[in-house]
N, C-alpha and C. Protein backbone atom coordinates (compact mmCIF):
# COMPACT_ATOMS: atom_id res chain seq x y z
N MET A 1 126.57 103.29 113.59
CA MET A 1 125.67 103.97 114.57
C MET A 1 125.62 103.17 115.81
N PHE A 2 125.84 101.98 115.86
CA PHE A 2 125.75 101.13 117.10
C PHE A 2 127.04 100.37 117.32
N THR A 3 127.54 99.99 118.43
CA THR A 3 128.63 99.22 118.81
C THR A 3 128.38 97.70 118.43
N LYS A 4 129.40 97.05 118.14
CA LYS A 4 129.30 95.61 117.86
C LYS A 4 128.68 94.94 119.23
N GLU A 5 129.08 95.28 120.33
CA GLU A 5 128.46 94.69 121.40
C GLU A 5 126.96 94.84 121.56
N LEU A 6 126.57 96.00 121.28
CA LEU A 6 125.05 96.34 121.30
C LEU A 6 124.36 95.48 120.35
N LEU A 7 124.91 95.45 118.97
CA LEU A 7 124.26 94.62 118.07
C LEU A 7 124.32 93.19 118.31
N ASP A 8 125.20 92.57 118.91
CA ASP A 8 125.26 91.24 119.42
C ASP A 8 124.21 91.10 120.39
N LYS A 9 124.17 91.87 121.36
CA LYS A 9 123.06 91.75 122.34
C LYS A 9 121.60 91.86 121.86
N SER A 10 121.49 92.84 120.90
CA SER A 10 120.20 92.97 120.19
C SER A 10 119.79 91.74 119.51
N SER A 11 120.81 91.20 118.79
CA SER A 11 120.43 89.83 118.04
C SER A 11 120.07 88.70 118.97
N LEU A 12 120.59 88.57 120.08
CA LEU A 12 120.39 87.53 120.99
C LEU A 12 118.89 87.86 121.64
N LEU A 13 118.56 89.10 121.97
CA LEU A 13 117.34 89.43 122.36
C LEU A 13 116.23 89.24 121.37
N ARG A 14 116.52 89.56 120.06
CA ARG A 14 115.69 89.33 119.01
C ARG A 14 115.40 87.89 118.89
N LYS A 15 116.46 86.92 118.84
CA LYS A 15 116.27 85.53 118.78
C LYS A 15 115.38 85.08 119.87
N ASN A 16 115.54 85.44 121.02
CA ASN A 16 114.62 84.98 122.13
C ASN A 16 113.35 85.56 121.94
N TRP A 17 113.10 86.67 121.47
CA TRP A 17 111.73 87.18 121.24
C TRP A 17 111.10 86.33 120.12
N GLU A 18 111.85 86.05 119.02
CA GLU A 18 111.30 85.25 117.87
C GLU A 18 110.83 83.88 118.44
N ASP A 19 111.63 83.27 119.27
CA ASP A 19 111.28 82.00 119.90
C ASP A 19 109.99 82.07 120.58
N GLU A 20 109.89 83.14 121.35
CA GLU A 20 108.65 83.36 122.13
C GLU A 20 107.42 83.57 121.24
N VAL A 21 107.53 84.30 120.20
CA VAL A 21 106.60 84.45 119.14
C VAL A 21 106.10 83.17 118.66
N LYS A 22 107.06 82.30 118.20
CA LYS A 22 106.78 81.04 117.72
C LYS A 22 106.09 80.20 118.64
N ARG A 23 106.60 80.15 119.88
CA ARG A 23 105.78 79.48 120.88
C ARG A 23 104.33 79.81 121.09
N ILE A 24 104.05 81.14 121.13
CA ILE A 24 102.77 81.65 121.32
C ILE A 24 101.92 81.44 120.01
N VAL A 25 102.52 81.58 118.96
CA VAL A 25 101.59 81.49 117.65
C VAL A 25 101.56 80.08 117.40
N GLY A 26 102.50 79.21 117.62
CA GLY A 26 102.48 77.75 117.33
C GLY A 26 102.40 77.49 115.86
N LYS A 27 101.50 76.74 115.47
CA LYS A 27 101.39 76.25 114.01
C LYS A 27 100.35 77.24 113.41
N LYS A 28 99.80 78.19 114.17
CA LYS A 28 98.84 79.04 113.60
C LYS A 28 99.59 80.05 112.75
N ALA A 29 99.07 80.28 111.49
CA ALA A 29 99.67 81.17 110.72
C ALA A 29 99.25 82.63 110.94
N ASP A 30 100.11 83.60 110.63
CA ASP A 30 99.75 85.07 110.57
C ASP A 30 98.46 85.33 109.89
N GLN A 31 97.78 86.36 109.93
CA GLN A 31 96.73 86.81 109.13
C GLN A 31 97.03 86.79 107.75
N LYS A 32 98.30 87.22 107.44
CA LYS A 32 98.84 87.26 106.09
C LYS A 32 100.24 86.52 106.09
N GLU A 33 100.61 86.05 104.99
CA GLU A 33 101.86 85.32 104.87
C GLU A 33 102.93 86.38 104.73
N ARG A 34 102.59 87.53 104.06
CA ARG A 34 103.67 88.66 103.96
C ARG A 34 102.90 90.02 104.01
N TRP A 35 103.60 90.80 104.88
CA TRP A 35 102.99 92.16 105.09
C TRP A 35 103.88 93.15 104.19
N SER A 36 103.25 94.16 103.56
CA SER A 36 103.98 95.01 102.71
C SER A 36 103.16 96.45 102.63
N THR A 37 104.01 97.36 102.26
CA THR A 37 103.44 98.75 101.93
C THR A 37 102.85 98.69 100.65
N VAL A 38 102.10 99.89 100.28
CA VAL A 38 101.61 99.97 98.89
C VAL A 38 102.71 100.04 97.95
N SER A 39 103.84 100.26 98.19
CA SER A 39 104.97 100.19 97.30
C SER A 39 105.59 98.77 97.29
N ASP A 40 105.02 97.92 97.90
CA ASP A 40 105.48 96.55 98.01
C ASP A 40 106.76 96.32 98.65
N LEU A 41 107.06 97.24 99.74
CA LEU A 41 108.18 96.99 100.59
C LEU A 41 107.78 96.15 101.78
N GLU A 42 108.58 95.11 102.07
CA GLU A 42 108.16 94.15 103.08
C GLU A 42 108.04 94.91 104.48
N ILE A 43 107.16 94.60 105.23
CA ILE A 43 107.14 95.18 106.59
C ILE A 43 107.39 93.98 107.66
N LYS A 44 108.42 94.14 108.33
CA LYS A 44 108.80 93.23 109.32
C LYS A 44 107.78 93.29 110.57
N ARG A 45 107.70 92.26 111.36
CA ARG A 45 106.94 92.10 112.59
C ARG A 45 107.42 93.22 113.50
N ILE A 46 108.71 93.36 113.54
CA ILE A 46 109.33 94.29 114.45
C ILE A 46 110.75 94.75 114.02
N TYR A 47 111.12 95.84 114.36
CA TYR A 47 112.44 96.37 113.87
C TYR A 47 113.36 96.62 115.14
N GLY A 48 114.58 96.39 114.92
CA GLY A 48 115.68 96.66 116.04
C GLY A 48 116.81 97.33 115.42
N PRO A 49 117.86 97.50 116.43
CA PRO A 49 119.06 98.23 115.96
C PRO A 49 119.84 97.60 114.64
N GLU A 50 119.70 96.33 114.63
CA GLU A 50 120.44 95.63 113.46
C GLU A 50 119.75 96.11 112.16
N ASP A 51 118.46 96.44 112.14
CA ASP A 51 117.95 96.97 110.95
C ASP A 51 118.27 98.36 110.38
N ILE A 52 118.85 99.09 111.28
CA ILE A 52 119.36 100.42 111.01
C ILE A 52 120.74 100.71 111.20
N LYS A 53 121.53 99.61 111.36
CA LYS A 53 122.98 99.71 111.77
C LYS A 53 123.82 100.50 110.76
N ASP A 54 123.41 100.43 109.46
CA ASP A 54 124.20 101.06 108.52
C ASP A 54 123.64 102.46 108.08
N MET A 55 122.67 102.91 108.87
CA MET A 55 122.16 104.20 108.48
C MET A 55 122.92 105.29 109.17
N ASP A 56 122.80 106.51 108.58
CA ASP A 56 123.45 107.80 109.09
C ASP A 56 122.33 108.40 109.81
N PHE A 57 122.44 108.58 111.18
CA PHE A 57 121.31 109.24 111.94
C PHE A 57 120.96 110.59 111.39
N GLU A 58 121.82 111.44 111.15
CA GLU A 58 121.46 112.79 110.65
C GLU A 58 120.79 112.69 109.36
N LYS A 59 121.36 111.99 108.42
CA LYS A 59 120.80 111.88 107.01
C LYS A 59 119.50 111.07 107.01
N ASP A 60 119.43 109.87 107.54
CA ASP A 60 118.31 108.95 107.52
C ASP A 60 117.21 108.99 108.49
N ILE A 61 117.52 109.50 109.74
CA ILE A 61 116.72 109.50 110.76
C ILE A 61 116.30 110.87 111.38
N GLY A 62 117.21 111.45 111.89
CA GLY A 62 117.00 112.86 112.43
C GLY A 62 116.22 112.92 113.68
N TYR A 63 116.04 114.18 114.13
CA TYR A 63 115.22 114.42 115.21
C TYR A 63 113.82 114.93 114.89
N PRO A 64 112.72 114.79 115.67
CA PRO A 64 111.42 115.24 115.34
C PRO A 64 111.50 116.72 114.94
N GLY A 65 110.78 117.00 113.84
CA GLY A 65 110.74 118.41 113.28
C GLY A 65 111.86 118.82 112.59
N GLN A 66 112.82 117.92 112.25
CA GLN A 66 113.89 118.27 111.44
C GLN A 66 114.02 117.21 110.24
N PHE A 67 114.66 117.68 109.19
CA PHE A 67 114.94 116.83 108.09
C PHE A 67 115.51 115.48 108.55
N PRO A 68 115.26 114.32 108.02
CA PRO A 68 114.24 113.98 106.95
C PRO A 68 112.82 113.81 107.42
N TYR A 69 112.43 114.33 108.63
CA TYR A 69 111.19 114.24 109.19
C TYR A 69 110.63 112.85 109.37
N LEU A 70 111.46 111.87 109.51
CA LEU A 70 111.11 110.45 109.72
C LEU A 70 110.36 110.34 111.03
N ARG A 71 110.79 111.16 112.01
CA ARG A 71 110.05 111.10 113.27
C ARG A 71 108.90 112.24 113.50
N GLY A 72 108.42 112.71 112.49
CA GLY A 72 107.37 113.67 112.44
C GLY A 72 107.80 115.05 112.07
N ASN A 73 106.77 115.93 111.79
CA ASN A 73 107.14 117.32 111.35
C ASN A 73 107.16 118.33 112.54
N GLN A 74 106.66 117.84 113.72
CA GLN A 74 106.66 118.69 114.87
C GLN A 74 107.83 118.43 115.71
N ALA A 75 108.66 119.41 116.14
CA ALA A 75 109.78 119.19 116.96
C ALA A 75 109.31 118.71 118.38
N THR A 76 108.07 118.92 118.78
CA THR A 76 107.73 118.46 120.13
C THR A 76 106.92 117.11 120.02
N GLY A 77 106.90 116.61 118.78
CA GLY A 77 105.95 115.40 118.60
C GLY A 77 104.62 115.66 119.09
N TYR A 78 103.97 114.60 119.48
CA TYR A 78 102.59 114.61 119.99
C TYR A 78 102.37 115.30 121.34
N ARG A 79 103.59 115.62 122.04
CA ARG A 79 103.31 116.20 123.39
C ARG A 79 103.10 117.80 123.19
N GLY A 80 103.69 118.30 122.18
CA GLY A 80 103.35 119.64 122.00
C GLY A 80 102.23 120.07 121.06
N LYS A 81 101.76 119.16 120.29
CA LYS A 81 100.74 119.39 119.38
C LYS A 81 99.84 117.99 119.25
N TYR A 82 98.74 118.01 119.78
CA TYR A 82 97.90 116.92 119.86
C TYR A 82 97.42 116.52 118.44
N TRP A 83 96.88 115.33 118.35
CA TRP A 83 96.24 115.01 116.98
C TRP A 83 95.37 116.07 116.54
N THR A 84 95.25 116.17 115.27
CA THR A 84 94.45 117.14 114.66
C THR A 84 93.05 116.50 114.44
N PHE A 85 91.99 117.31 114.88
CA PHE A 85 90.59 116.86 114.64
C PHE A 85 90.00 117.65 113.43
N ARG A 86 89.70 116.90 112.40
CA ARG A 86 89.16 117.65 111.26
C ARG A 86 87.89 116.95 110.78
N MET A 87 86.85 117.80 110.72
CA MET A 87 85.65 117.16 110.12
C MET A 87 85.61 117.45 108.56
N PHE A 88 85.40 116.43 107.86
CA PHE A 88 85.37 116.66 106.34
C PHE A 88 84.16 117.57 106.02
N SER A 89 84.38 118.79 105.59
CA SER A 89 83.31 119.65 105.28
C SER A 89 83.48 120.60 104.10
N GLY A 90 82.44 120.91 103.52
CA GLY A 90 82.38 121.83 102.27
C GLY A 90 80.94 121.76 101.88
N MET A 91 80.41 122.87 101.37
CA MET A 91 79.06 122.88 100.89
C MET A 91 78.78 124.17 100.25
N GLY A 92 78.00 124.15 99.21
CA GLY A 92 77.73 125.34 98.44
C GLY A 92 78.75 126.26 98.08
N THR A 93 78.74 127.46 98.32
CA THR A 93 79.69 128.40 97.77
C THR A 93 80.87 128.43 98.90
N ALA A 94 81.95 129.15 98.50
CA ALA A 94 83.01 129.21 99.37
C ALA A 94 82.61 130.02 100.62
N VAL A 95 81.80 131.06 100.45
CA VAL A 95 81.46 131.95 101.54
C VAL A 95 80.54 131.13 102.56
N GLU A 96 79.76 130.14 102.07
CA GLU A 96 78.91 129.16 102.96
C GLU A 96 79.85 128.23 103.73
N THR A 97 80.84 127.73 102.97
CA THR A 97 81.78 126.82 103.64
C THR A 97 82.67 127.66 104.64
N ASN A 98 83.14 128.78 104.30
CA ASN A 98 83.87 129.60 105.27
C ASN A 98 83.06 129.84 106.53
N LYS A 99 81.74 130.07 106.45
CA LYS A 99 80.97 130.25 107.59
C LYS A 99 80.95 128.94 108.43
N ARG A 100 80.83 127.83 107.77
CA ARG A 100 80.70 126.53 108.40
C ARG A 100 82.03 126.29 109.06
N TRP A 101 83.20 126.55 108.48
CA TRP A 101 84.48 126.45 109.03
C TRP A 101 84.73 127.17 110.41
N HIS A 102 84.34 128.37 110.20
CA HIS A 102 84.40 129.26 111.48
C HIS A 102 83.57 128.64 112.55
N TYR A 103 82.38 128.10 112.28
CA TYR A 103 81.60 127.43 113.36
C TYR A 103 82.35 126.30 113.80
N LEU A 104 83.01 125.48 112.99
CA LEU A 104 83.52 124.21 113.44
C LEU A 104 84.83 124.59 114.29
N LEU A 105 85.60 125.62 114.00
CA LEU A 105 86.67 125.96 114.68
C LEU A 105 86.27 126.40 116.25
N THR A 106 85.04 127.03 116.27
CA THR A 106 84.60 127.48 117.61
C THR A 106 84.09 126.21 118.48
N THR A 107 83.89 125.09 117.78
CA THR A 107 83.40 123.91 118.51
C THR A 107 84.58 123.01 118.92
N GLY A 108 85.78 123.41 118.60
CA GLY A 108 86.88 122.48 118.97
C GLY A 108 87.64 121.89 117.88
N GLN A 109 87.26 121.98 116.62
CA GLN A 109 88.26 121.48 115.63
C GLN A 109 89.45 122.11 115.60
N THR A 110 90.50 121.22 115.42
CA THR A 110 91.91 121.84 115.44
C THR A 110 92.39 121.86 113.90
N GLY A 111 91.58 121.49 113.00
CA GLY A 111 92.10 121.55 111.58
C GLY A 111 90.86 121.44 110.80
N LEU A 112 91.00 121.72 109.50
CA LEU A 112 89.89 121.72 108.47
C LEU A 112 90.17 120.76 107.25
N SER A 113 89.17 120.00 106.84
CA SER A 113 89.36 119.04 105.86
C SER A 113 88.38 119.47 104.73
N THR A 114 88.73 119.93 103.57
CA THR A 114 87.99 120.45 102.60
C THR A 114 87.21 119.43 101.79
N ALA A 115 85.93 119.42 101.72
CA ALA A 115 85.11 118.59 100.75
C ALA A 115 84.87 119.46 99.60
N PHE A 116 85.29 119.06 98.39
CA PHE A 116 85.04 119.84 97.15
C PHE A 116 83.84 119.27 96.53
N ASP A 117 83.09 120.08 95.73
CA ASP A 117 82.03 119.39 95.09
C ASP A 117 82.56 118.63 93.76
N PHE A 118 81.72 117.88 93.11
CA PHE A 118 82.17 117.16 92.04
C PHE A 118 82.70 117.72 90.81
N PRO A 119 82.09 118.82 90.41
CA PRO A 119 82.72 119.67 89.37
C PRO A 119 84.17 120.17 89.61
N THR A 120 84.33 120.68 90.81
CA THR A 120 85.66 121.06 91.20
C THR A 120 86.67 119.82 91.28
N LEU A 121 86.18 118.73 91.78
CA LEU A 121 87.04 117.54 91.83
C LEU A 121 87.45 117.06 90.42
N MET A 122 86.54 117.41 89.38
CA MET A 122 86.81 116.94 87.99
C MET A 122 87.51 118.04 87.19
N GLY A 123 87.59 119.31 87.86
CA GLY A 123 88.34 120.36 87.07
C GLY A 123 87.29 121.17 86.21
N TYR A 124 86.04 121.17 86.57
CA TYR A 124 85.07 121.95 85.71
C TYR A 124 84.79 123.24 86.45
N ASP A 125 84.53 124.29 85.84
CA ASP A 125 83.95 125.54 86.49
C ASP A 125 82.39 125.25 86.62
N THR A 126 82.06 126.17 87.45
CA THR A 126 80.59 126.14 87.89
C THR A 126 79.70 126.35 86.53
N ASP A 127 80.06 127.21 85.68
CA ASP A 127 79.29 127.55 84.50
C ASP A 127 79.47 126.46 83.34
N SER A 128 80.12 125.41 83.58
CA SER A 128 80.33 124.51 82.56
C SER A 128 78.94 123.58 82.41
N PRO A 129 78.50 123.28 81.12
CA PRO A 129 77.35 122.49 81.01
C PRO A 129 77.51 121.14 81.71
N LYS A 130 78.70 120.60 81.84
CA LYS A 130 78.95 119.35 82.42
C LYS A 130 78.82 119.51 83.91
N ALA A 131 78.87 120.53 84.52
CA ALA A 131 78.60 120.74 86.02
C ALA A 131 77.18 121.03 86.36
N LYS A 132 76.30 121.13 85.47
CA LYS A 132 74.92 121.59 85.62
C LYS A 132 74.26 120.64 86.78
N GLY A 133 73.75 121.29 87.74
CA GLY A 133 72.96 120.60 88.85
C GLY A 133 73.94 119.94 89.83
N GLU A 134 75.19 120.02 89.74
CA GLU A 134 76.11 119.40 90.68
C GLU A 134 76.87 120.35 91.55
N CYS A 135 76.90 121.60 91.16
CA CYS A 135 77.76 122.52 91.93
C CYS A 135 77.32 122.83 93.34
N GLY A 136 78.20 122.71 94.25
CA GLY A 136 77.94 122.93 95.66
C GLY A 136 77.18 121.85 96.44
N LYS A 137 76.84 120.73 95.69
CA LYS A 137 76.03 119.77 96.28
C LYS A 137 76.65 119.03 97.41
N CYS A 138 77.80 118.31 96.96
CA CYS A 138 78.42 117.41 97.91
C CYS A 138 79.69 117.90 98.32
N GLY A 139 79.87 119.26 98.25
CA GLY A 139 81.13 120.00 98.73
C GLY A 139 81.13 121.34 98.27
N VAL A 140 82.25 122.04 98.43
CA VAL A 140 82.34 123.48 98.04
C VAL A 140 82.66 123.66 96.56
N ALA A 141 82.16 124.62 95.99
CA ALA A 141 82.57 124.89 94.46
C ALA A 141 83.60 126.00 94.49
N ILE A 142 84.75 125.63 93.95
CA ILE A 142 85.81 126.58 93.78
C ILE A 142 86.27 126.72 92.31
N ASP A 143 86.02 127.87 91.78
CA ASP A 143 86.37 128.11 90.27
C ASP A 143 87.56 129.06 90.18
N THR A 144 87.65 130.00 91.09
CA THR A 144 88.65 131.08 90.94
C THR A 144 89.54 131.27 92.12
N ILE A 145 90.48 132.20 92.09
CA ILE A 145 91.30 132.57 93.17
C ILE A 145 90.43 133.36 94.26
N ASP A 146 89.46 134.10 93.61
CA ASP A 146 88.69 134.89 94.53
C ASP A 146 87.69 133.90 95.33
N ASP A 147 87.27 132.90 94.72
CA ASP A 147 86.55 131.86 95.60
C ASP A 147 87.44 131.21 96.69
N PHE A 148 88.67 130.93 96.29
CA PHE A 148 89.55 130.41 97.28
C PHE A 148 89.81 131.45 98.47
N HIS A 149 89.96 132.67 98.04
CA HIS A 149 90.16 133.68 99.08
C HIS A 149 88.97 133.74 99.99
N ASP A 150 87.79 133.55 99.42
CA ASP A 150 86.58 133.65 100.18
C ASP A 150 86.43 132.42 101.19
N LEU A 151 86.99 131.32 100.64
CA LEU A 151 87.01 130.05 101.51
C LEU A 151 87.80 130.16 102.75
N ILE A 152 88.96 130.80 102.60
CA ILE A 152 90.09 130.78 103.74
C ILE A 152 90.00 132.15 104.54
N LYS A 153 89.09 133.00 104.18
CA LYS A 153 89.04 134.29 104.86
C LYS A 153 88.75 134.20 106.26
N GLY A 154 89.79 134.85 107.09
CA GLY A 154 89.69 134.80 108.54
C GLY A 154 90.06 133.45 109.18
N VAL A 155 90.48 132.48 108.35
CA VAL A 155 90.91 131.26 108.84
C VAL A 155 92.27 131.31 109.38
N PRO A 156 92.61 130.93 110.64
CA PRO A 156 93.94 131.08 111.13
C PRO A 156 94.91 130.03 110.70
N LEU A 157 95.24 130.29 109.36
CA LEU A 157 96.24 129.15 108.80
C LEU A 157 97.57 129.00 109.46
N ASP A 158 97.95 129.90 110.28
CA ASP A 158 99.11 129.84 111.02
C ASP A 158 99.05 128.97 112.26
N LYS A 159 97.84 128.71 112.60
CA LYS A 159 97.53 128.04 113.86
C LYS A 159 96.86 126.66 113.75
N ILE A 160 96.33 126.36 112.51
CA ILE A 160 95.69 125.16 112.33
C ILE A 160 96.30 124.44 111.09
N THR A 161 95.92 123.19 110.83
CA THR A 161 96.40 122.54 109.67
C THR A 161 95.08 122.36 108.73
N THR A 162 95.32 122.19 107.48
CA THR A 162 94.28 122.00 106.50
C THR A 162 94.50 120.68 105.72
N SER A 163 93.52 120.17 105.16
CA SER A 163 93.66 118.99 104.30
C SER A 163 92.61 119.35 103.06
N MET A 164 93.12 118.95 101.94
CA MET A 164 92.46 119.31 100.70
C MET A 164 92.43 117.96 99.79
N THR A 165 91.46 117.22 99.83
CA THR A 165 91.48 115.89 99.12
C THR A 165 90.91 116.36 97.77
N ILE A 166 91.75 116.34 96.85
CA ILE A 166 91.41 116.72 95.48
C ILE A 166 92.31 115.98 94.51
N ASN A 167 91.90 115.56 93.34
CA ASN A 167 92.82 114.84 92.48
C ASN A 167 93.25 115.66 91.21
N PRO A 168 92.37 115.43 89.99
CA PRO A 168 92.86 116.18 88.81
C PRO A 168 93.36 117.66 89.04
N PRO A 169 92.47 118.59 89.59
CA PRO A 169 92.92 120.04 89.56
C PRO A 169 93.80 120.26 90.82
N ALA A 170 94.50 119.43 91.38
CA ALA A 170 95.31 119.60 92.49
C ALA A 170 96.21 120.71 92.34
N THR A 171 96.93 120.72 91.12
CA THR A 171 98.04 121.78 91.09
C THR A 171 97.41 123.21 90.97
N ALA A 172 96.29 123.49 90.30
CA ALA A 172 95.65 124.67 90.29
C ALA A 172 95.17 125.14 91.76
N LEU A 173 94.74 124.21 92.57
CA LEU A 173 94.26 124.48 93.91
C LEU A 173 95.36 124.78 94.74
N TRP A 174 96.43 124.03 94.74
CA TRP A 174 97.60 124.26 95.48
C TRP A 174 98.17 125.60 95.18
N ALA A 175 98.06 125.93 93.89
CA ALA A 175 98.64 127.37 93.58
C ALA A 175 97.85 128.43 94.20
N MET A 176 96.60 128.33 94.32
CA MET A 176 95.65 129.32 95.08
C MET A 176 96.02 129.33 96.44
N TYR A 177 96.42 128.14 97.08
CA TYR A 177 96.73 128.14 98.52
C TYR A 177 97.81 129.02 98.83
């Protein structure tokens, strides 16, 4: 992907940069000895052309909005679609939450983040004895596809993004979406 000349120049620039970092940092250690992702992949302080020299641009990097989406899922990046503003919200019934969502959208929210109640998070229906007293308290109660339809009624899903933080019943709720 890069010429040998460019890689050689990049290596020299990197060496000069590393020397500068050592001079600035001195004997003071970094905040951590090793930085890594949650998958324990090491994170370097900085990356350059030598780190991606063996990559296939089309297969591994691509353009914004195109597979493999390394550079984001929007073709115009942040310039065409600003950061999404989402308030975590959900309360009572799906109809009540829908009303709140419509209000939030009129106040400038550019996305919606769904707060589900505890029974929904745990996969219980509202009429379950284990859900008694908890339904709709700290989020919206969703038991059926009709509840979900009430939740998203009139919401411009083609114009905004949504976030649904849910764990055990995720597959059922995604099927409703």
